[in-house]
Structure formats: C-alpha cells, structure tokens
Amino acid sequence: MAEIIDFHTHFLPRLYAQALKKHIPGDPDGWPTPGWDEHLTLAFMKKNHIGYSILSLSSPHFNFGDKEETIAIARDANDTGERVTQDHPDQLGYFASLPLPYAQESVSEIDVALAHSALGFTVPTNSRGLYFGTPIFDPVYAKLNQEKAIVLMHPNRPAQGPMNVNIDMPIPLMGFFIDTTMTFMNLLRYHFFDRYPDIKLIVPHAGAFLSILADRDAAFVKQQYNSDMFAALRHVYFDVAGTVFPRQLPMLLTLADEQHLVFGSDIPYTPPLLASQMIKLFNEREYHDKMSRRVSRLQRFDGFFNHFKKLRPLPTVLKMSSNMLTGAEILSPEMDQDILVNNGKRLLELS
C-alpha cells in the first residue's frame, strides 16, 4: 500500500506554546497541552507508514486580545513550519496560520506564507467570537479564493455556551463539534461557497454533527438562507481525524463526495497509540476476515441454532459486531486507499 498522507496533525511552535502558558491557567480547553518536536511526528509517521504530514496549529486560537502578539505568534508559527519543511521536505509540510481577526494583516500573511512554501492555511472556527464565514473577513476570503487555497478549518472554544452544565467536560469532547457545526451553518448563511468557490475548505473531524443534522436543517437553510446544504456538503472536503468508527464516518459517506475525504491523525493531541489504532481500522482486514470465518463456521450449524431459539441471533450479531468495529462492509479496500492516500494526492495536486 502507498504511504498515507496526514492532513490533520499538529505542532507547537515556541511563541504559541509560551502564549498558552502565559494567558491560560491550567489545561487549555480542559485538555493537557502535549509536548512536541518534529521527531515525535516523524517517529509516529515511521511506525504507521505515513509518508507525508502537514503540520498546523490546534486550539486555542492564539488571539488573546493583543494585536501585535497575535501577528508575532502567526509569523513565528509559519517560520517554524517553513523550517521543518526545509529540514524534511519529503516528509513534512505546513498549513500557515493567519492573525485573525485582523483582516488586512491576514491578507499580507497569505502572500508571505505562499512565498515561503506553505501548502495552504488553517483558520479557527472563531477568533474571539468572530466566526469564519462572516463578511468582516471578506478581504481574507477573496485572497484565499484568488489563490485557490487549501484551508483547514479547526474548531475553537465556542464563543458562548450554556452555563452550569457539564462544566468539567473538556471542550474537545463536545464543544469542538458544536463550534464546527455552527460555523458550517454560518458559511451557508453568508453564501460562502457560492461567493468563494475556489477555496478548498477542509471541515475537520468528519464534519462534527453535520451528518446527523443535515436532514433536519436542510429545508430551513433552503428557505431562510437560499442555500443548498446538501450541495455544500458535497463541495467541501472532510478530514477523518478522531474516533470516526463505527458510526460517524458511515453517516458522513451518505452525504459527502467520497473523493473529498482525507486522513488526519490529530496527534499529538490525540494520543499516538489511539491514533495508530484508528489507522489500523482503515488498512487492516485481518480482524474482519477472522470474524467472517467464524460466522461461516457457525452457519454450518443452522439446525442447531433453529433448535435453540435463544441462540438464533448469534451469527447475525457476530457479523454485525465485525462490521461495526472495522467498518469493513462500509469502506472497500479501494475507498480505504482513497481516504488514506489518493484523495490527498489529488488535493495537493501530486502525481
């Protein structure tokens, strides 16, 4: 099998890591900040047959209310991205960060980053309550559209949430999905996809709640926003970072363009061991084959199961368990290869 392309993997440049410690007591978003250097990423890649990884910043977004600091953190992150790309050009690339919500400074940073080997850009769902898709950032969208840029959207802490409920739950567990979903609806409201069709937007974490809510919300979106939610879901790209089996990815496949799904490990925020296990679900069929053989053997004893009524469901339950755990009946080997490798090559315009 060809080596995997990882579109959603993170790094922690110096100024960004320092700013987190300076501005946020304890664990940002209720989630420990991991240590990082490029050797961690390279070791994970080697272990899991990943040929190329694209680094980007995670949450929290780095605007803490000081404009000059925000600009400096973005520049330092992009300088770090350029350095690791130059040191490991065949293995690492980076998505540049933008000093949002400062629109003109972000437009300038797009030019600088593209001149310094950035493969695309990463943007937060919101920066201090200003959400991606809102018209205040029109100059940034226009520039990204002009450059036909790849843009990876990353969730941030919701600008406002319900009070006095789940107060100890880390933001990534639910808040990230809420903010990603709301941001996508914001893009529909402001006709982002109609106005900027050449931006190749990657929606993270298999679309968050979108596959659940599409049928519920599409009629409202059509009537109130005059936007086609289903068309937008086929237009954008999705990474599959996170625990997308056994339910989330199959649901997304009913809505998304199969050639617009790309792989993401989400390390080091997702523990490397867990990320490795998710990769195995894509490219290993041994468990599914073993379960299928067991089901076949059990089916030889149909008479036995018919005699003992309580045992009749056993072969079906085993088969369902195999399919749910591995996704094997949903993802063909060809689709596995597309998600892990081929779709990424097409998006990056590699031969």
Protein backbone atom coordinates (compact mmCIF):
# COMPACT_ATOMS: atom_id res chain seq x y z
CA MET A 1 0.00 0.00 0.00
CA ALA A 2 1.18 3.53 -0.77
CA GLU A 3 2.15 5.63 2.24
CA ILE A 4 -0.53 7.69 3.98
CA ILE A 5 -0.93 11.48 3.74
CA ASP A 6 -1.88 13.10 7.07
CA PHE A 7 -3.74 16.41 6.70
CA HIS A 8 -4.58 16.98 10.36
CA THR A 9 -1.55 16.79 12.63
CA HIS A 10 -0.31 19.48 14.97
CA PHE A 11 2.83 21.24 16.08
CA LEU A 12 3.53 23.66 18.94
CA PRO A 13 5.92 26.43 17.89
CA ARG A 14 7.80 28.30 20.61
CA LEU A 15 5.79 31.54 20.83
CA TYR A 16 2.47 29.71 20.66
CA ALA A 17 3.41 27.35 23.50
CA GLN A 18 4.67 30.29 25.58
CA ALA A 19 1.47 32.24 24.99
CA LEU A 20 -0.68 29.34 26.17
CA LYS A 21 1.25 29.21 29.46
CA LYS A 22 1.10 33.00 29.82
CA HIS A 23 -2.59 33.52 29.15
CA ILE A 24 -4.35 30.30 30.19
CA PRO A 25 -4.01 28.82 33.68
CA GLY A 26 -4.17 25.04 33.81
CA ASP A 27 -5.05 22.98 30.76
CA PRO A 28 -6.32 24.98 27.76
CA ASP A 29 -9.82 23.80 26.82
CA GLY A 30 -9.61 21.37 29.73
CA TRP A 31 -7.19 19.23 27.70
CA PRO A 32 -3.49 18.83 28.50
CA THR A 33 -1.10 20.60 26.16
CA PRO A 34 1.23 17.90 24.78
CA GLY A 35 4.91 18.23 24.24
CA TRP A 36 6.08 18.36 20.64
CA ASP A 37 9.06 18.40 18.36
CA GLU A 38 9.34 17.17 14.81
CA HIS A 39 10.95 13.91 15.93
CA LEU A 40 7.71 12.92 17.66
CA THR A 41 5.83 13.42 14.39
CA LEU A 42 8.47 11.64 12.32
CA ALA A 43 8.54 8.65 14.69
CA PHE A 44 4.75 8.33 14.52
CA MET A 45 4.90 8.54 10.74
CA LYS A 46 7.51 5.81 10.50
CA LYS A 47 5.57 3.50 12.80
CA ASN A 48 2.30 3.95 10.90
CA HIS A 49 3.51 4.08 7.28
CA ILE A 50 2.67 7.77 6.87
CA GLY A 51 4.63 9.24 4.00
CA TYR A 52 3.74 12.91 4.40
CA SER A 53 2.28 15.01 7.24
CA ILE A 54 1.01 18.59 7.09
CA LEU A 55 1.50 20.47 10.36
CA SER A 56 -0.88 23.12 11.67
CA LEU A 57 -1.84 24.82 14.93
CA SER A 58 -4.61 23.43 17.08
CA SER A 59 -6.88 25.15 19.61
CA PRO A 60 -6.95 27.52 21.45
CA HIS A 61 -6.60 30.14 18.76
CA PHE A 62 -3.70 32.45 19.54
CA ASN A 63 -5.51 35.80 19.65
CA PHE A 64 -5.52 36.72 23.34
CA GLY A 65 -6.51 40.34 22.78
CA ASP A 66 -3.17 41.86 21.78
CA LYS A 67 -2.83 42.61 18.07
CA GLU A 68 0.96 42.72 17.94
CA GLU A 69 1.26 39.47 19.88
CA THR A 70 -1.24 37.78 17.54
CA ILE A 71 0.74 38.84 14.47
CA ALA A 72 4.02 37.73 16.07
CA ILE A 73 2.67 34.28 17.00
CA ALA A 74 1.37 33.71 13.47
CA ARG A 75 4.70 34.70 11.95
CA ASP A 76 6.67 32.52 14.37
CA ALA A 77 4.41 29.55 13.65
CA ASN A 78 4.86 30.00 9.91
CA ASP A 79 8.62 30.43 10.27
CA THR A 80 8.70 27.18 12.25
CA GLY A 81 6.59 25.47 9.59
CA GLU A 82 8.94 26.63 6.88
CA ARG A 83 11.97 25.42 8.85
CA VAL A 84 10.69 21.90 9.41
CA THR A 85 9.59 21.74 5.78
CA GLN A 86 13.09 22.68 4.67
CA ASP A 87 14.64 20.18 7.08
CA HIS A 88 12.34 17.33 5.99
CA PRO A 89 10.98 18.33 2.56
CA ASP A 90 9.91 14.84 1.56
CA GLN A 91 8.05 14.15 4.82
CA LEU A 92 6.68 17.38 6.32
CA GLY A 93 4.73 20.37 5.10
CA TYR A 94 2.68 23.02 6.89
CA PHE A 95 -0.55 24.98 6.76
CA ALA A 96 0.16 28.60 7.60
CA SER A 97 -1.63 30.43 10.41
CA LEU A 98 -3.32 33.80 9.94
CA PRO A 99 -3.53 36.60 12.55
CA LEU A 100 -7.32 36.70 12.57
CA PRO A 101 -9.45 38.70 13.19
CA TYR A 102 -7.12 41.30 11.68
CA ALA A 103 -8.16 41.11 8.04
CA GLN A 104 -5.55 43.21 6.25
CA GLU A 105 -2.71 41.69 8.25
CA SER A 106 -4.05 38.24 7.39
CA VAL A 107 -4.12 39.10 3.68
CA SER A 108 -0.48 40.18 3.93
CA GLU A 109 0.43 36.97 5.75
CA ILE A 110 -1.13 34.91 2.96
CA ASP A 111 1.35 36.41 0.49
CA VAL A 112 4.29 35.89 2.83
CA ALA A 113 3.35 32.30 3.62
CA LEU A 114 2.84 31.31 -0.01
CA ALA A 115 6.27 32.71 -0.79
CA HIS A 116 7.67 30.52 1.99
CA SER A 117 6.40 27.08 0.96
CA ALA A 118 3.04 26.97 2.80
CA LEU A 119 0.75 24.32 1.33
CA GLY A 120 -2.36 26.12 2.50
CA PHE A 121 -3.81 27.74 5.59
CA THR A 122 -5.51 26.89 8.86
CA VAL A 123 -8.26 29.06 10.31
CA PRO A 124 -10.18 28.84 13.60
CA THR A 125 -13.93 28.40 13.64
CA ASN A 126 -13.96 31.64 15.61
CA SER A 127 -11.46 34.17 16.84
CA ARG A 128 -12.69 35.94 19.98
CA GLY A 129 -16.27 35.42 18.90
CA LEU A 130 -15.86 36.46 15.27
CA TYR A 131 -16.81 33.43 13.20
CA PHE A 132 -15.31 32.21 9.96
CA GLY A 133 -17.75 32.99 7.16
CA THR A 134 -18.88 36.37 8.46
CA PRO A 135 -18.49 39.28 5.97
CA ILE A 136 -15.97 41.11 8.16
CA PHE A 137 -13.33 38.75 6.74
CA ASP A 138 -14.33 39.21 3.08
CA PRO A 139 -10.87 40.50 2.05
CA VAL A 140 -9.31 37.34 3.50
CA TYR A 141 -11.77 35.05 1.70
CA ALA A 142 -11.26 36.91 -1.56
CA LYS A 143 -7.49 36.47 -1.32
CA LEU A 144 -7.78 32.78 -0.43
CA ASN A 145 -10.19 32.27 -3.31
CA GLN A 146 -7.86 34.07 -5.70
CA GLU A 147 -5.05 31.73 -4.66
CA LYS A 148 -7.33 28.65 -4.91
CA ALA A 149 -6.07 27.88 -1.42
CA ILE A 150 -6.49 24.77 0.69
CA VAL A 151 -7.96 25.91 4.01
CA LEU A 152 -8.17 23.61 7.02
CA MET A 153 -10.76 24.84 9.49
CA HIS A 154 -10.01 23.95 13.10
CA PRO A 155 -12.53 24.11 15.94
CA ASN A 156 -12.09 26.56 18.76
CA ARG A 157 -13.88 27.00 22.08
CA PRO A 158 -17.43 28.22 21.32
CA ALA A 159 -17.76 31.95 21.80
CA GLN A 160 -20.68 31.38 24.14
CA GLY A 161 -22.12 28.23 25.64
CA PRO A 162 -24.75 27.10 28.14
CA MET A 163 -23.95 27.79 31.75
CA ASN A 164 -23.93 25.40 34.72
CA VAL A 165 -23.98 22.19 32.71
CA ASN A 166 -21.11 19.78 32.02
CA ILE A 167 -18.75 22.34 33.49
CA ASP A 168 -15.94 19.79 33.90
CA MET A 169 -16.16 18.34 30.39
CA PRO A 170 -13.13 19.18 28.20
CA ILE A 171 -14.10 21.41 25.28
CA PRO A 172 -12.79 19.00 22.58
CA LEU A 173 -15.28 16.30 23.58
CA MET A 174 -18.39 18.28 22.63
CA GLY A 175 -17.63 21.99 22.25
CA PHE A 176 -15.43 21.45 19.20
CA PHE A 177 -18.24 19.63 17.40
CA ILE A 178 -20.73 22.35 18.30
CA ASP A 179 -18.45 25.13 17.03
CA THR A 180 -17.57 23.31 13.81
CA THR A 181 -21.23 22.63 13.04
CA MET A 182 -22.33 26.19 13.81
CA THR A 183 -19.51 27.60 11.68
CA PHE A 184 -20.59 25.49 8.71
CA MET A 185 -24.13 26.86 9.10
CA ASN A 186 -22.63 30.35 9.22
CA LEU A 187 -20.88 29.68 5.90
CA LEU A 188 -24.22 28.69 4.39
CA ARG A 189 -25.92 31.78 5.78
CA TYR A 190 -23.42 34.11 4.11
CA HIS A 191 -23.22 32.14 0.82
CA PHE A 192 -19.54 31.49 1.33
CA PHE A 193 -19.42 28.55 -1.08
CA ASP A 194 -21.21 30.49 -3.84
CA ARG A 195 -19.03 33.58 -3.43
CA TYR A 196 -15.68 31.80 -2.96
CA PRO A 197 -15.98 28.51 -4.86
CA ASP A 198 -12.24 28.06 -5.41
CA ILE A 199 -11.35 27.79 -1.72
CA LYS A 200 -10.76 24.11 -0.95
CA LEU A 201 -12.17 24.04 2.57
CA ILE A 202 -11.44 21.04 4.80
CA VAL A 203 -14.04 20.56 7.54
CA PRO A 204 -12.43 18.69 10.45
CA HIS A 205 -13.39 15.61 12.43
CA ALA A 206 -15.64 14.06 9.78
CA GLY A 207 -17.96 17.05 9.78
CA ALA A 208 -18.79 17.04 13.51
CA PHE A 209 -22.60 16.91 13.86
CA LEU A 210 -23.39 17.75 10.23
CA SER A 211 -24.28 14.24 9.10
CA ILE A 212 -26.80 13.98 11.95
CA LEU A 213 -28.38 17.40 11.40
CA ALA A 214 -28.43 17.68 7.59
CA ASP A 215 -31.90 16.19 7.09
CA ARG A 216 -33.28 18.23 9.98
CA ASP A 217 -31.78 21.56 8.87
CA ALA A 218 -31.60 21.46 5.06
CA ALA A 219 -35.16 22.71 4.49
CA PHE A 220 -34.62 25.67 6.83
CA VAL A 221 -31.32 26.51 5.15
CA LYS A 222 -33.01 26.42 1.75
CA GLN A 223 -35.94 28.58 2.82
CA GLN A 224 -34.19 31.09 5.08
CA TYR A 225 -30.70 31.30 3.57
CA ASN A 226 -31.48 30.26 -0.01
CA SER A 227 -28.54 27.86 0.29
CA ASP A 228 -28.29 24.19 -0.66
CA MET A 229 -26.88 22.37 2.36
CA PHE A 230 -26.54 19.05 0.56
CA ALA A 231 -24.61 20.63 -2.34
CA ALA A 232 -22.29 22.35 0.13
CA LEU A 233 -21.61 19.07 1.92
CA ARG A 234 -20.52 17.53 -1.38
CA HIS A 235 -18.45 20.60 -2.29
CA VAL A 236 -16.22 20.75 0.79
CA TYR A 237 -13.54 18.32 1.94
CA PHE A 238 -13.55 16.47 5.25
CA ASP A 239 -10.73 15.04 7.28
CA VAL A 240 -11.44 11.91 9.29
CA ALA A 241 -9.43 12.85 12.39
CA GLY A 242 -10.79 11.37 15.58
CA THR A 243 -12.83 8.34 16.51
CA VAL A 244 -14.94 8.13 13.35
CA PHE A 245 -15.73 4.41 13.58
CA PRO A 246 -18.14 2.73 13.85
CA ARG A 247 -20.88 5.33 13.32
CA GLN A 248 -19.73 8.82 12.31
CA LEU A 249 -17.86 8.10 9.08
CA PRO A 250 -20.54 5.77 7.64
CA MET A 251 -23.13 8.52 8.19
CA LEU A 252 -20.90 11.11 6.52
CA LEU A 253 -20.49 8.85 3.49
CA THR A 254 -24.20 9.25 2.77
CA LEU A 255 -23.62 12.99 2.19
CA ALA A 256 -20.02 13.70 1.21
CA ASP A 257 -18.13 13.25 -2.04
CA GLU A 258 -16.08 10.10 -1.48
CA GLN A 259 -13.12 11.74 -3.23
CA HIS A 260 -13.23 14.64 -0.76
CA LEU A 261 -12.29 12.61 2.33
CA VAL A 262 -8.71 12.86 3.61
CA PHE A 263 -6.94 11.30 6.54
CA GLY A 264 -5.99 13.05 9.78
CA SER A 265 -4.30 11.62 12.86
CA ASP A 266 -4.72 14.67 15.16
CA ILE A 267 -1.51 13.84 17.03
CA PRO A 268 -0.12 14.80 19.49
CA TYR A 269 -3.47 15.95 20.97
CA THR A 270 -4.90 12.54 20.13
CA PRO A 271 -2.55 10.11 21.90
CA PRO A 272 -0.35 8.40 19.29
CA LEU A 273 -1.42 4.92 20.45
CA LEU A 274 -5.11 5.74 19.87
CA ALA A 275 -4.31 7.35 16.52
CA SER A 276 -2.42 4.20 15.50
CA GLN A 277 -5.43 2.08 16.38
CA MET A 278 -7.66 4.22 14.17
CA ILE A 279 -5.27 3.79 11.25
CA LYS A 280 -5.46 0.02 11.66
CA LEU A 281 -9.22 0.17 11.19
CA PHE A 282 -8.64 1.66 7.76
CA ASN A 283 -5.93 -0.58 6.41
CA GLU A 284 -6.10 -3.89 8.24
CA ARG A 285 -8.68 -6.53 7.34
CA GLU A 286 -7.32 -9.37 9.48
CA TYR A 287 -9.86 -8.95 12.26
CA HIS A 288 -12.79 -8.73 9.86
CA ASP A 289 -11.62 -11.79 7.94
CA LYS A 290 -11.28 -13.75 11.18
CA MET A 291 -14.79 -12.80 12.25
CA SER A 292 -16.18 -13.68 8.83
CA ARG A 293 -14.65 -17.15 9.09
CA ARG A 294 -16.24 -17.61 12.49
CA VAL A 295 -19.65 -16.59 11.14
CA SER A 296 -19.25 -19.01 8.22
CA ARG A 297 -18.42 -21.85 10.59
CA LEU A 298 -21.40 -21.03 12.77
CA GLN A 299 -23.72 -21.07 9.77
CA ARG A 300 -22.94 -24.76 9.28
CA PHE A 301 -24.95 -25.38 12.43
CA ASP A 302 -28.16 -23.71 11.32
CA GLY A 303 -30.17 -26.68 12.52
CA PHE A 304 -28.63 -26.35 15.96
CA PHE A 305 -29.48 -22.66 16.18
CA ASN A 306 -33.01 -23.28 14.92
CA HIS A 307 -33.49 -25.82 17.70
CA PHE A 308 -32.30 -23.42 20.42
CA LYS A 309 -34.27 -20.27 19.69
CA LYS A 310 -32.33 -18.04 22.05
CA LEU A 311 -29.13 -18.71 20.06
CA ARG A 312 -30.57 -17.96 16.60
CA PRO A 313 -29.34 -14.32 16.52
CA LEU A 314 -25.73 -15.27 17.36
CA PRO A 315 -24.31 -15.47 13.78
CA THR A 316 -26.01 -12.21 12.84
CA VAL A 317 -24.78 -10.48 15.98
CA LEU A 318 -21.21 -11.61 15.33
CA LYS A 319 -21.34 -10.35 11.75
CA MET A 320 -22.80 -7.01 12.82
CA SER A 321 -20.14 -6.69 15.51
CA SER A 322 -17.40 -7.31 12.95
CA ASN A 323 -18.79 -4.76 10.52
CA MET A 324 -19.37 -2.10 13.16
CA LEU A 325 -15.93 -2.40 14.70
CA THR A 326 -13.96 -2.38 11.49
CA GLY A 327 -16.13 -0.53 9.02
CA ALA A 328 -15.19 -3.28 6.61
CA GLU A 329 -18.58 -3.57 4.95
CA ILE A 330 -18.78 0.20 4.51
CA LEU A 331 -15.28 1.00 3.28
CA SER A 332 -13.98 -1.08 0.41
CA PRO A 333 -10.21 -1.52 0.13
CA GLU A 334 -10.33 0.98 -2.73
CA MET A 335 -12.08 3.56 -0.54
CA ASP A 336 -9.56 2.97 2.24
CA GLN A 337 -6.80 3.74 -0.23
CA ASP A 338 -8.60 6.86 -1.45
CA ILE A 339 -9.04 8.27 2.06
CA LEU A 340 -5.52 7.46 3.23
CA VAL A 341 -3.62 8.33 0.06
CA ASN A 342 -5.29 9.10 -3.27
CA ASN A 343 -7.69 11.88 -2.30
CA GLY A 344 -4.84 13.70 -0.56
CA LYS A 345 -2.66 13.44 -3.63
CA ARG A 346 -5.42 14.92 -5.76
CA LEU A 347 -6.00 17.75 -3.31
CA LEU A 348 -2.30 18.59 -3.18
CA GLU A 349 -2.10 18.14 -6.97
CA LEU A 350 0.60 15.50 -6.69
CA SER A 351 1.13 13.00 -9.46
